[in-house]
Each structure stands twice: as structure tokens, then as C-alpha cells.
Amino acid sequence: MADPIVRTTWPGWPHKELLYETADNGSIAIFTINRPERMNSSDPGMTARWNDAWTTFAGDDKQRVAIITGAGDRAFSAGQDLKIRAELEAEGGDAPYRNRTRGLNLRFELNCWKPTIAAINGFAIAGGWSQAQSATFRIAAEHAEMNIAEARWNQGAGFVAWLPRLMHTGHALEVVLMGDRRISAKRAYEMGFVNKVVPKEHLMEEAVDWARTMCRMAPRSLQNFHEMVYRCWNMSIPEAQAYTSALEFNLRGMEDSLEGPKAFAEKRAPVFKNR
């Protein structure tokens, strides 16, 4: 049986609409979108909250993996709060929403290649899909449903441009061109978008199990592989080889690079210190 998940609120965390907790002595960060009364949709302040979260996560070497989920079991996130947006537009503008996607991708701007897991606990719609797509892995509860609904409301969705990296082009088009149809967690798995589907009562347990597995890996090597997969997608083979050689160079001389083979020879689990 897996060890229990003991959560600790990040000291001094100021946001109630985006909770920040850690588990396993601080090695796992857990972000919970906490607007269940509005289907965990994003209000104009959510970008600033995500900026704070990713900056904190990226800057703390002890935190190795992040899990993102939504409060309750009804919604992961329904994307923008369209009610608030409609009210803003009626007043003459929607400026608070214009940079809304930056909060999702700030960790890449920070060159943070720590892996992340989206624990999809319900509806993942539009911006909620984008939030899940931005994660390294996606684990969904059986009852979860998701879609990209922008075409239904004449809205844009720039994140669709790299969706074919995660699924077949025909599947990506099925999602974006048929925006009034939600797909099940099982269908999302068949399409290649979701990594695993589990009963809702086991969702966080499964996500934490994946996080713990990655926490047993060497931190620098883990982040190198993560970066390689993203950065080298459109490179030629020579370009990719040159890029990955540079990444692998930063493993040389590390204590962890000596610890790995030593632990293997001694038939024990390695103790990595990220140095």
C-alpha cells in the first residue's frame, strides 16, 4: 500500500483561488485551482497567481515535481470565466484576460524543466484543456470530460498549434472543429492526449505515485530529458545531436553522476543531491 499523502500549505501563500501545497517533505508541489463554485474557471486574477506559483516552484530546488488539479470532483477547469469576461466587455474591454495564457507557460519562460502532472478530476474545457496540455503528463478520472470549445463561441486558442505534437492530426482536428462535443477520459486516452485513466477516488493517489517515481530519478538528468523532448521536436538530427550533447555535458563532474553507477554496483537505491 502506498504511503499516505500528507499535504502542507506553502508558508505565507496569499492566494485562496489557487492553493499551493507540498507533500513528501517538500519534493512534490500540489497546485489546486480553487473556484469550484465557478467550475474552477479562471478570473482576471488567475494569471498573477500562476506567475507566483511557477516562480516559487522554479526557484525551489527541493521541489521536484508539480501536480495540478481542481477543487472538488466536478471540474479540473472550465477555462475562462465567460460570465466575468462578458461583463468586462459590456463595460468596454477585456484587458485583464489578454495575457491569460502567460500564466500557463511561465515555467518555460523561466527555463523550468521540472515535470508536471495534470490530475484531471472533471471537466477540462477550453483553457482547462490548455492547462492540462501544458503539463508533462495527464492522468484523468474516469468521469472526466474535455474539449476545446472555442470554435463554438468564435474565440481563439493559440495552444492548438502544438496539439498535434501530442496526438494524431486527425484527432486534434476532431477536438477543435467539433467544439460542442466533449470527449470522455477513455476517448482522450485513445487519442493519446491522456496518459492514464483511473477511478476518481484513486486519481490523486495515482498522480502522487507518478510524482514519487520521478522523484527517485536524478534531478538534472530528468530535466535534461524533459527539455530534449520539447526542444528537439522540429530540429534536424544533426541539430538535435548537437543540442543534446550540450545538455549532457552539464552532467559531467556532478556528484550525482558518480553516485548513480556506484549505487548500481553496490545494489542499492541511489541518493541524488542535484549536485
C-alpha atoms as a PDB file:
ATOM      1  CA  MET A   1       0.000   0.000   0.000  1.00  0.00           C
ATOM      2  CA  ALA A   2       1.318   3.459  -0.931  1.00  0.00           C
ATOM      3  CA  ASP A   3       2.425   5.837   1.786  1.00  0.00           C
ATOM      4  CA  PRO A   4      -0.259   8.348   2.761  1.00  0.00           C
ATOM      5  CA  ILE A   5      -0.208  11.768   1.134  1.00  0.00           C
ATOM      6  CA  VAL A   6       0.488  14.414   3.766  1.00  0.00           C
ATOM      7  CA  ARG A   7      -0.005  17.946   2.442  1.00  0.00           C
ATOM      8  CA  THR A   8       1.470  21.121   3.873  1.00  0.00           C
ATOM      9  CA  THR A   9       0.346  24.600   2.808  1.00  0.00           C
ATOM     10  CA  TRP A  10       3.206  26.665   1.390  1.00  0.00           C
ATOM     11  CA  PRO A  11       4.186  29.189   4.111  1.00  0.00           C
ATOM     12  CA  GLY A  12       2.700  32.622   3.545  1.00  0.00           C
ATOM     13  CA  TRP A  13       0.903  31.670   0.350  1.00  0.00           C
ATOM     14  CA  PRO A  14      -1.517  34.562  -0.287  1.00  0.00           C
ATOM     15  CA  HIS A  15      -3.974  33.131  -2.821  1.00  0.00           C
ATOM     16  CA  LYS A  16      -7.210  31.359  -1.938  1.00  0.00           C
ATOM     17  CA  GLU A  17      -8.248  30.771  -5.547  1.00  0.00           C
ATOM     18  CA  LEU A  18      -5.065  28.815  -6.325  1.00  0.00           C
ATOM     19  CA  LEU A  19      -3.832  26.664  -3.451  1.00  0.00           C
ATOM     20  CA  TYR A  20      -0.158  25.788  -3.108  1.00  0.00           C
ATOM     21  CA  GLU A  21       0.732  22.740  -1.027  1.00  0.00           C
ATOM     22  CA  THR A  22       3.710  20.395  -0.827  1.00  0.00           C
ATOM     23  CA  ALA A  23       3.992  16.713   0.013  1.00  0.00           C
ATOM     24  CA  ASP A  24       6.731  14.183   0.708  1.00  0.00           C
ATOM     25  CA  ASN A  25       8.955  16.569   2.649  1.00  0.00           C
ATOM     26  CA  GLY A  26       8.552  19.281   0.050  1.00  0.00           C
ATOM     27  CA  SER A  27       9.629  17.301  -3.010  1.00  0.00           C
ATOM     28  CA  ILE A  28       6.158  17.373  -4.601  1.00  0.00           C
ATOM     29  CA  ALA A  29       4.202  20.587  -5.168  1.00  0.00           C
ATOM     30  CA  ILE A  30       0.402  20.377  -5.470  1.00  0.00           C
ATOM     31  CA  PHE A  31      -1.474  23.249  -7.117  1.00  0.00           C
ATOM     32  CA  THR A  32      -5.258  23.243  -6.747  1.00  0.00           C
ATOM     33  CA  ILE A  33      -7.432  25.607  -8.776  1.00  0.00           C
ATOM     34  CA  ASN A  34      -9.920  26.599  -6.098  1.00  0.00           C
ATOM     35  CA  ARG A  35     -13.007  28.174  -7.630  1.00  0.00           C
ATOM     36  CA  PRO A  36     -15.367  25.171  -7.515  1.00  0.00           C
ATOM     37  CA  GLU A  37     -18.452  27.386  -7.460  1.00  0.00           C
ATOM     38  CA  ARG A  38     -17.409  28.596 -10.937  1.00  0.00           C
ATOM     39  CA  MET A  39     -16.192  25.218 -12.262  1.00  0.00           C
ATOM     40  CA  ASN A  40     -12.610  26.228 -11.378  1.00  0.00           C
ATOM     41  CA  SER A  41     -12.678  28.717 -14.237  1.00  0.00           C
ATOM     42  CA  SER A  42     -10.095  31.498 -14.467  1.00  0.00           C
ATOM     43  CA  ASP A  43     -10.967  35.001 -13.343  1.00  0.00           C
ATOM     44  CA  PRO A  44      -8.771  38.005 -14.278  1.00  0.00           C
ATOM     45  CA  GLY A  45      -6.501  37.457 -11.253  1.00  0.00           C
ATOM     46  CA  MET A  46      -5.532  33.885 -12.141  1.00  0.00           C
ATOM     47  CA  THR A  47      -2.562  34.817 -14.333  1.00  0.00           C
ATOM     48  CA  ALA A  48      -0.875  36.642 -11.445  1.00  0.00           C
ATOM     49  CA  ARG A  49      -1.498  33.660  -9.165  1.00  0.00           C
ATOM     50  CA  TRP A  50       0.094  31.272 -11.646  1.00  0.00           C
ATOM     51  CA  ASN A  51       3.036  33.635 -12.057  1.00  0.00           C
ATOM     52  CA  ASP A  52       3.606  33.458  -8.300  1.00  0.00           C
ATOM     53  CA  ALA A  53       3.209  29.678  -8.280  1.00  0.00           C
ATOM     54  CA  TRP A  54       5.589  28.903 -11.140  1.00  0.00           C
ATOM     55  CA  THR A  55       8.183  31.399  -9.940  1.00  0.00           C
ATOM     56  CA  THR A  56       8.158  29.820  -6.490  1.00  0.00           C
ATOM     57  CA  PHE A  57       8.242  26.268  -7.856  1.00  0.00           C
ATOM     58  CA  ALA A  58      11.053  27.011 -10.316  1.00  0.00           C
ATOM     59  CA  GLY A  59      13.155  28.713  -7.649  1.00  0.00           C
ATOM     60  CA  ASP A  60      12.984  25.943  -5.037  1.00  0.00           C
ATOM     61  CA  ASP A  61      15.427  23.115  -5.819  1.00  0.00           C
ATOM     62  CA  LYS A  62      13.774  20.841  -3.268  1.00  0.00           C
ATOM     63  CA  GLN A  63      10.521  20.798  -5.225  1.00  0.00           C
ATOM     64  CA  ARG A  64      10.985  18.222  -7.956  1.00  0.00           C
ATOM     65  CA  VAL A  65       7.547  17.607  -9.498  1.00  0.00           C
ATOM     66  CA  ALA A  66       4.265  19.553  -9.547  1.00  0.00           C
ATOM     67  CA  ILE A  67       0.722  18.148  -9.648  1.00  0.00           C
ATOM     68  CA  ILE A  68      -2.082  20.397 -10.924  1.00  0.00           C
ATOM     69  CA  THR A  69      -5.720  19.653 -10.145  1.00  0.00           C
ATOM     70  CA  GLY A  70      -9.048  21.342  -9.430  1.00  0.00           C
ATOM     71  CA  ALA A  71     -11.087  21.586  -6.250  1.00  0.00           C
ATOM     72  CA  GLY A  72     -13.889  19.045  -5.948  1.00  0.00           C
ATOM     73  CA  ASP A  73     -14.639  16.326  -8.473  1.00  0.00           C
ATOM     74  CA  ARG A  74     -16.806  18.245 -10.924  1.00  0.00           C
ATOM     75  CA  ALA A  75     -14.214  20.242 -12.850  1.00  0.00           C
ATOM     76  CA  PHE A  76     -10.484  20.424 -13.426  1.00  0.00           C
ATOM     77  CA  SER A  77     -11.058  23.806 -15.057  1.00  0.00           C
ATOM     78  CA  ALA A  78     -13.705  25.172 -17.394  1.00  0.00           C
ATOM     79  CA  GLY A  79     -11.269  27.728 -18.838  1.00  0.00           C
ATOM     80  CA  GLN A  80     -12.085  31.431 -18.738  1.00  0.00           C
ATOM     81  CA  ASP A  81     -14.943  32.633 -16.594  1.00  0.00           C
ATOM     82  CA  LEU A  82     -17.008  33.795 -19.556  1.00  0.00           C
ATOM     83  CA  LYS A  83     -19.564  35.447 -17.306  1.00  0.00           C
ATOM     84  CA  ILE A  84     -16.914  37.827 -15.962  1.00  0.00           C
ATOM     85  CA  ARG A  85     -15.474  38.331 -19.443  1.00  0.00           C
ATOM     86  CA  ALA A  86     -18.896  39.241 -20.845  1.00  0.00           C
ATOM     87  CA  GLU A  87     -19.369  41.757 -18.044  1.00  0.00           C
ATOM     88  CA  LEU A  88     -15.951  43.315 -18.761  1.00  0.00           C
ATOM     89  CA  GLU A  89     -16.645  43.533 -22.472  1.00  0.00           C
ATOM     90  CA  ALA A  90     -20.000  45.184 -21.779  1.00  0.00           C
ATOM     91  CA  GLU A  91     -18.074  47.791 -19.794  1.00  0.00           C
ATOM     92  CA  GLY A  92     -15.730  48.438 -22.709  1.00  0.00           C
ATOM     93  CA  GLY A  93     -12.876  45.943 -22.672  1.00  0.00           C
ATOM     94  CA  ASP A  94     -11.399  42.629 -21.534  1.00  0.00           C
ATOM     95  CA  ALA A  95      -7.805  43.738 -20.890  1.00  0.00           C
ATOM     96  CA  PRO A  96      -7.407  41.568 -17.742  1.00  0.00           C
ATOM     97  CA  TYR A  97      -7.776  38.470 -19.953  1.00  0.00           C
ATOM     98  CA  ARG A  98      -5.469  39.394 -22.797  1.00  0.00           C
ATOM     99  CA  ASN A  99      -2.338  37.857 -21.264  1.00  0.00           C
ATOM    100  CA  ARG A 100      -4.145  34.955 -19.656  1.00  0.00           C
ATOM    101  CA  THR A 101      -2.031  32.230 -21.295  1.00  0.00           C
ATOM    102  CA  ARG A 102       1.263  33.515 -19.878  1.00  0.00           C
ATOM    103  CA  GLY A 103       0.426  32.056 -16.502  1.00  0.00           C
ATOM    104  CA  LEU A 104       0.238  28.604 -18.069  1.00  0.00           C
ATOM    105  CA  ASN A 105       3.593  28.780 -19.823  1.00  0.00           C
ATOM    106  CA  LEU A 106       5.684  30.879 -17.464  1.00  0.00           C
ATOM    107  CA  ARG A 107       7.627  27.835 -16.278  1.00  0.00           C
ATOM    108  CA  PHE A 108       9.070  27.501 -19.796  1.00  0.00           C
ATOM    109  CA  GLU A 109       9.952  31.192 -19.828  1.00  0.00           C
ATOM    110  CA  LEU A 110      11.749  30.529 -16.541  1.00  0.00           C
ATOM    111  CA  ASN A 111      13.572  27.616 -18.218  1.00  0.00           C
ATOM    112  CA  CYS A 112      11.992  25.322 -15.640  1.00  0.00           C
ATOM    113  CA  TRP A 113      12.033  21.750 -16.921  1.00  0.00           C
ATOM    114  CA  LYS A 114      10.767  20.075 -13.785  1.00  0.00           C
ATOM    115  CA  PRO A 115       7.995  17.648 -14.786  1.00  0.00           C
ATOM    116  CA  THR A 116       4.347  18.377 -14.076  1.00  0.00           C
ATOM    117  CA  ILE A 117       1.235  16.184 -13.880  1.00  0.00           C
ATOM    118  CA  ALA A 118      -2.320  17.303 -14.601  1.00  0.00           C
ATOM    119  CA  ALA A 119      -4.705  15.294 -12.400  1.00  0.00           C
ATOM    120  CA  ILE A 120      -7.900  15.856 -14.399  1.00  0.00           C
ATOM    121  CA  ASN A 121     -10.716  15.475 -11.890  1.00  0.00           C
ATOM    122  CA  GLY A 122     -13.647  16.548 -14.051  1.00  0.00           C
ATOM    123  CA  PHE A 123     -14.389  18.904 -16.926  1.00  0.00           C
ATOM    124  CA  ALA A 124     -11.306  20.252 -18.726  1.00  0.00           C
ATOM    125  CA  ILE A 125     -12.758  22.733 -21.180  1.00  0.00           C
ATOM    126  CA  ALA A 126     -11.045  25.329 -23.417  1.00  0.00           C
ATOM    127  CA  GLY A 127      -8.454  26.984 -21.162  1.00  0.00           C
ATOM    128  CA  GLY A 128      -8.808  23.988 -18.848  1.00  0.00           C
ATOM    129  CA  TRP A 129      -7.736  21.775 -21.748  1.00  0.00           C
ATOM    130  CA  SER A 130      -4.833  24.170 -22.328  1.00  0.00           C
ATOM    131  CA  GLN A 131      -3.809  23.882 -18.677  1.00  0.00           C
ATOM    132  CA  ALA A 132      -3.763  20.094 -18.966  1.00  0.00           C
ATOM    133  CA  GLN A 133      -1.971  20.233 -22.323  1.00  0.00           C
ATOM    134  CA  SER A 134       0.797  22.350 -20.786  1.00  0.00           C
ATOM    135  CA  ALA A 135       1.575  19.616 -18.255  1.00  0.00           C
ATOM    136  CA  THR A 136       4.131  16.890 -18.904  1.00  0.00           C
ATOM    137  CA  PHE A 137       1.636  14.123 -18.149  1.00  0.00           C
ATOM    138  CA  ARG A 138      -2.138  13.905 -17.922  1.00  0.00           C
ATOM    139  CA  ILE A 139      -3.944  11.455 -15.649  1.00  0.00           C
ATOM    140  CA  ALA A 140      -7.739  11.582 -15.792  1.00  0.00           C
ATOM    141  CA  ALA A 141     -10.537  10.348 -13.586  1.00  0.00           C
ATOM    142  CA  GLU A 142     -12.956   8.032 -15.380  1.00  0.00           C
ATOM    143  CA  HIS A 143     -15.777  10.563 -15.232  1.00  0.00           C
ATOM    144  CA  ALA A 144     -13.712  13.441 -16.690  1.00  0.00           C
ATOM    145  CA  GLU A 145     -14.816  15.046 -19.941  1.00  0.00           C
ATOM    146  CA  MET A 146     -12.901  17.545 -22.013  1.00  0.00           C
ATOM    147  CA  ASN A 147     -12.949  19.598 -25.184  1.00  0.00           C
ATOM    148  CA  ILE A 148     -11.745  22.769 -26.893  1.00  0.00           C
ATOM    149  CA  ALA A 149     -14.933  24.781 -27.271  1.00  0.00           C
ATOM    150  CA  GLU A 150     -13.539  27.999 -28.776  1.00  0.00           C
ATOM    151  CA  ALA A 151     -14.963  27.469 -32.267  1.00  0.00           C
ATOM    152  CA  ARG A 152     -18.431  27.336 -30.739  1.00  0.00           C
ATOM    153  CA  TRP A 153     -18.052  30.883 -29.385  1.00  0.00           C
ATOM    154  CA  ASN A 154     -15.824  32.427 -32.107  1.00  0.00           C
ATOM    155  CA  GLN A 155     -12.774  32.584 -29.846  1.00  0.00           C
ATOM    156  CA  GLY A 156      -9.085  31.887 -30.495  1.00  0.00           C
ATOM    157  CA  ALA A 157      -6.888  29.195 -28.965  1.00  0.00           C
ATOM    158  CA  GLY A 158      -3.208  29.537 -29.802  1.00  0.00           C
ATOM    159  CA  PHE A 159      -2.294  26.424 -27.826  1.00  0.00           C
ATOM    160  CA  VAL A 160      -3.931  24.337 -30.574  1.00  0.00           C
ATOM    161  CA  ALA A 161      -0.861  24.992 -32.767  1.00  0.00           C
ATOM    162  CA  TRP A 162       1.196  22.403 -30.885  1.00  0.00           C
ATOM    163  CA  LEU A 163      -1.622  19.979 -30.079  1.00  0.00           C
ATOM    164  CA  PRO A 164      -0.567  17.682 -32.992  1.00  0.00           C
ATOM    165  CA  ARG A 165       2.634  17.038 -31.057  1.00  0.00           C
ATOM    166  CA  LEU A 166       0.531  15.148 -28.536  1.00  0.00           C
ATOM    167  CA  MET A 167      -1.965  13.368 -30.764  1.00  0.00           C
ATOM    168  CA  HIS A 168      -2.671  12.424 -34.379  1.00  0.00           C
ATOM    169  CA  THR A 169      -3.549  15.396 -36.572  1.00  0.00           C
ATOM    170  CA  GLY A 170      -6.972  13.947 -37.320  1.00  0.00           C
ATOM    171  CA  HIS A 171      -7.692  13.596 -33.608  1.00  0.00           C
ATOM    172  CA  ALA A 172      -6.566  17.168 -32.951  1.00  0.00           C
ATOM    173  CA  LEU A 173      -8.890  18.419 -35.680  1.00  0.00           C
ATOM    174  CA  GLU A 174     -11.716  16.306 -34.294  1.00  0.00           C
ATOM    175  CA  VAL A 175     -11.384  18.100 -30.982  1.00  0.00           C
ATOM    176  CA  VAL A 176     -11.075  21.670 -32.273  1.00  0.00           C
ATOM    177  CA  LEU A 177     -13.531  21.584 -35.194  1.00  0.00           C
ATOM    178  CA  MET A 178     -16.308  19.853 -33.263  1.00  0.00           C
ATOM    179  CA  GLY A 179     -16.235  22.111 -30.238  1.00  0.00           C
ATOM    180  CA  ASP A 180     -19.730  21.312 -28.991  1.00  0.00           C
ATOM    181  CA  ARG A 181     -18.807  17.665 -28.385  1.00  0.00           C
ATOM    182  CA  ARG A 182     -16.999  16.689 -25.206  1.00  0.00           C
ATOM    183  CA  ILE A 183     -14.783  13.610 -25.281  1.00  0.00           C
ATOM    184  CA  SER A 184     -14.579  11.120 -22.450  1.00  0.00           C
ATOM    185  CA  ALA A 185     -11.434  10.339 -20.493  1.00  0.00           C
ATOM    186  CA  LYS A 186     -11.312   6.957 -22.251  1.00  0.00           C
ATOM    187  CA  ARG A 187     -11.515   8.624 -25.678  1.00  0.00           C
ATOM    188  CA  ALA A 188      -8.838  11.141 -24.685  1.00  0.00           C
ATOM    189  CA  TYR A 189      -6.624   8.184 -23.747  1.00  0.00           C
ATOM    190  CA  GLU A 190      -7.318   6.501 -27.093  1.00  0.00           C
ATOM    191  CA  MET A 191      -6.347   9.739 -28.845  1.00  0.00           C
ATOM    192  CA  GLY A 192      -3.058   9.857 -26.974  1.00  0.00           C
ATOM    193  CA  PHE A 193      -3.833  13.017 -25.018  1.00  0.00           C
ATOM    194  CA  VAL A 194      -4.260  11.334 -21.633  1.00  0.00           C
ATOM    195  CA  ASN A 195      -1.572   9.026 -20.233  1.00  0.00           C
ATOM    196  CA  LYS A 196      -3.793   7.032 -17.888  1.00  0.00           C
ATOM    197  CA  VAL A 197      -7.420   6.803 -16.739  1.00  0.00           C
ATOM    198  CA  VAL A 198      -8.287   5.786 -13.178  1.00  0.00           C
ATOM    199  CA  PRO A 199     -11.346   5.758 -10.878  1.00  0.00           C
ATOM    200  CA  LYS A 200     -11.857   9.215  -9.385  1.00  0.00           C
ATOM    201  CA  GLU A 201     -11.155   8.002  -5.850  1.00  0.00           C
ATOM    202  CA  HIS A 202      -7.656   6.928  -6.948  1.00  0.00           C
ATOM    203  CA  LEU A 203      -6.775   9.991  -9.037  1.00  0.00           C
ATOM    204  CA  MET A 204      -4.502  11.826  -6.589  1.00  0.00           C
ATOM    205  CA  GLU A 205      -3.003   8.570  -5.370  1.00  0.00           C
ATOM    206  CA  GLU A 206      -2.019   7.731  -8.948  1.00  0.00           C
ATOM    207  CA  ALA A 207      -0.670  11.230  -9.618  1.00  0.00           C
ATOM    208  CA  VAL A 208       1.429  11.147  -6.458  1.00  0.00           C
ATOM    209  CA  ASP A 209       2.716   7.678  -7.382  1.00  0.00           C
ATOM    210  CA  TRP A 210       3.924   9.038 -10.732  1.00  0.00           C
ATOM    211  CA  ALA A 211       5.480  12.027  -8.963  1.00  0.00           C
ATOM    212  CA  ARG A 212       7.249   9.794  -6.450  1.00  0.00           C
ATOM    213  CA  THR A 213       8.652   7.675  -9.266  1.00  0.00           C
ATOM    214  CA  MET A 214      10.170  10.760 -10.878  1.00  0.00           C
ATOM    215  CA  CYS A 215      11.476  11.977  -7.526  1.00  0.00           C
ATOM    216  CA  ARG A 216      13.578   8.816  -7.377  1.00  0.00           C
ATOM    217  CA  MET A 217      15.280   9.776 -10.627  1.00  0.00           C
ATOM    218  CA  ALA A 218      18.354  12.008 -10.871  1.00  0.00           C
ATOM    219  CA  PRO A 219      17.025  15.612 -10.989  1.00  0.00           C
ATOM    220  CA  ARG A 220      19.406  17.003 -13.593  1.00  0.00           C
ATOM    221  CA  SER A 221      19.078  14.017 -15.906  1.00  0.00           C
ATOM    222  CA  LEU A 222      15.285  14.096 -15.589  1.00  0.00           C
ATOM    223  CA  GLN A 223      15.134  17.760 -16.553  1.00  0.00           C
ATOM    224  CA  ASN A 224      17.588  17.227 -19.420  1.00  0.00           C
ATOM    225  CA  PHE A 225      15.388  14.543 -20.976  1.00  0.00           C
ATOM    226  CA  HIS A 226      12.302  16.683 -20.467  1.00  0.00           C
ATOM    227  CA  GLU A 227      13.948  19.594 -22.272  1.00  0.00           C
ATOM    228  CA  MET A 228      15.279  17.384 -25.063  1.00  0.00           C
ATOM    229  CA  VAL A 229      11.838  16.096 -25.980  1.00  0.00           C
ATOM    230  CA  TYR A 230      10.359  19.602 -26.158  1.00  0.00           C
ATOM    231  CA  ARG A 231      13.269  21.488 -27.707  1.00  0.00           C
ATOM    232  CA  CYS A 232      14.364  18.973 -30.314  1.00  0.00           C
ATOM    233  CA  TRP A 233      10.949  18.225 -31.847  1.00  0.00           C
ATOM    234  CA  ASN A 234      11.490  20.205 -35.040  1.00  0.00           C
ATOM    235  CA  MET A 235      15.281  20.008 -35.221  1.00  0.00           C
ATOM    236  CA  SER A 236      17.197  18.025 -37.800  1.00  0.00           C
ATOM    237  CA  ILE A 237      19.057  15.001 -36.456  1.00  0.00           C
ATOM    238  CA  PRO A 238      22.458  16.819 -36.519  1.00  0.00           C
ATOM    239  CA  GLU A 239      20.922  19.836 -34.757  1.00  0.00           C
ATOM    240  CA  ALA A 240      19.321  17.610 -32.132  1.00  0.00           C
ATOM    241  CA  GLN A 241      22.570  15.710 -31.557  1.00  0.00           C
ATOM    242  CA  ALA A 242      24.472  18.964 -31.035  1.00  0.00           C
ATOM    243  CA  TYR A 243      21.821  20.276 -28.655  1.00  0.00           C
ATOM    244  CA  THR A 244      21.608  17.097 -26.592  1.00  0.00           C
ATOM    245  CA  SER A 245      25.399  16.845 -26.403  1.00  0.00           C
ATOM    246  CA  ALA A 246      25.459  20.284 -24.798  1.00  0.00           C
ATOM    247  CA  LEU A 247      22.806  19.203 -22.297  1.00  0.00           C
ATOM    248  CA  GLU A 248      24.644  16.004 -21.449  1.00  0.00           C
ATOM    249  CA  PHE A 249      27.821  17.999 -20.865  1.00  0.00           C
ATOM    250  CA  ASN A 250      26.240  19.534 -17.768  1.00  0.00           C
ATOM    251  CA  LEU A 251      26.150  16.071 -16.124  1.00  0.00           C
ATOM    252  CA  ARG A 252      29.933  15.801 -16.133  1.00  0.00           C
ATOM    253  CA  GLY A 253      31.651  16.271 -12.821  1.00  0.00           C
ATOM    254  CA  MET A 254      28.430  16.063 -10.815  1.00  0.00           C
ATOM    255  CA  GLU A 255      28.374  14.082  -7.582  1.00  0.00           C
ATOM    256  CA  ASP A 256      25.148  12.529  -8.820  1.00  0.00           C
ATOM    257  CA  SER A 257      26.929  11.218 -11.932  1.00  0.00           C
ATOM    258  CA  LEU A 258      29.292   9.300  -9.662  1.00  0.00           C
ATOM    259  CA  GLU A 259      26.552   8.250  -7.262  1.00  0.00           C
ATOM    260  CA  GLY A 260      24.438   6.556  -9.949  1.00  0.00           C
ATOM    261  CA  PRO A 261      26.967   3.928 -11.102  1.00  0.00           C
ATOM    262  CA  LYS A 262      28.222   3.481  -7.527  1.00  0.00           C
ATOM    263  CA  ALA A 263      24.722   2.712  -6.261  1.00  0.00           C
ATOM    264  CA  PHE A 264      24.192   0.277  -9.142  1.00  0.00           C
ATOM    265  CA  ALA A 265      27.446  -1.551  -8.299  1.00  0.00           C
ATOM    266  CA  GLU A 266      26.521  -1.669  -4.614  1.00  0.00           C
ATOM    267  CA  LYS A 267      22.992  -2.910  -5.409  1.00  0.00           C
ATOM    268  CA  ARG A 268      21.237  -0.082  -3.550  1.00  0.00           C
ATOM    269  CA  ALA A 269      18.994   2.833  -4.346  1.00  0.00           C
ATOM    270  CA  PRO A 270      20.960   5.955  -5.327  1.00  0.00           C
ATOM    271  CA  VAL A 271      20.803   9.059  -3.184  1.00  0.00           C
ATOM    272  CA  PHE A 272      20.789  12.033  -5.538  1.00  0.00           C
ATOM    273  CA  LYS A 273      21.537  15.556  -4.301  1.00  0.00           C
ATOM    274  CA  ASN A 274      21.319  17.508  -7.573  1.00  0.00           C
ATOM    275  CA  ARG A 275      24.954  18.499  -7.396  1.00  0.00           C
END
